[in-house]
Amino acid sequence: MSKVPNAQLVHIGLHCRDLEKMVDFYCRVFDLKVTDSGDYYMGGQITFLSRDAKEHHQIVLATGRTDDGSLKLINQISFRVDSLEDLQIFYRMLLEEKVKEMKPRNHGNAWSIYFHDPEANRIEIYTSTPWYVGQPFGQSLDLSSSADTIRAETAEMVKTDPSHCPIEEWSDKLGALIKN
């Protein structure tokens, strides 16, 4: 087997009982800023928080946590890789591992693979794209396609969303928000 690509832990997602209270807490205590929020494709609401102009989110907060334990606290643990090609290497590795619930997604601002570890904790491996698109946003992703094809399809896809812009432009806007 070839060398495993670099994968850095970059953010975590939590399920919440009271989304507004959690957003308020993390914004007040850690000076995080809301970067996006909206309807969650898995149901409920989701909010993205960051205080790093180069990171769309460092914490993801999603509704749906209950007291009965039917929904785990951890929404996801996310690792970023350096490139789309590295993500494709992980995709092939995960196919060989026969991981459960593998779902590649194109978020416009990132290409991701979601899957479960052996104890059913949700893991995300992703890499950033050159674009920003308001989140939540996502479509299924065929990581068996060539990297060039995925890039071209994503470029066309993000153009259809009115929030799209180059990631540098979005990062500059977030940087100004964080400084205030």
Foldseek 3Di string as FASTA:
>chain_A
DDDQFDWAFAAWEFEDADVVVVVVVCCVPVVWDWLAKDADPVGFIKTATDLALLDSHRYIYGYDDDPVCPDDGTPETEIEGADLVSVLVVVVVCVVVVFAPWFWKDQLQKTWIWTADPVGHIYIYIYGAQKDAHPPGIDTDDSVDDPVVRNVVSVVVRVVGPRMDGSVVSSVVSNVVSVD
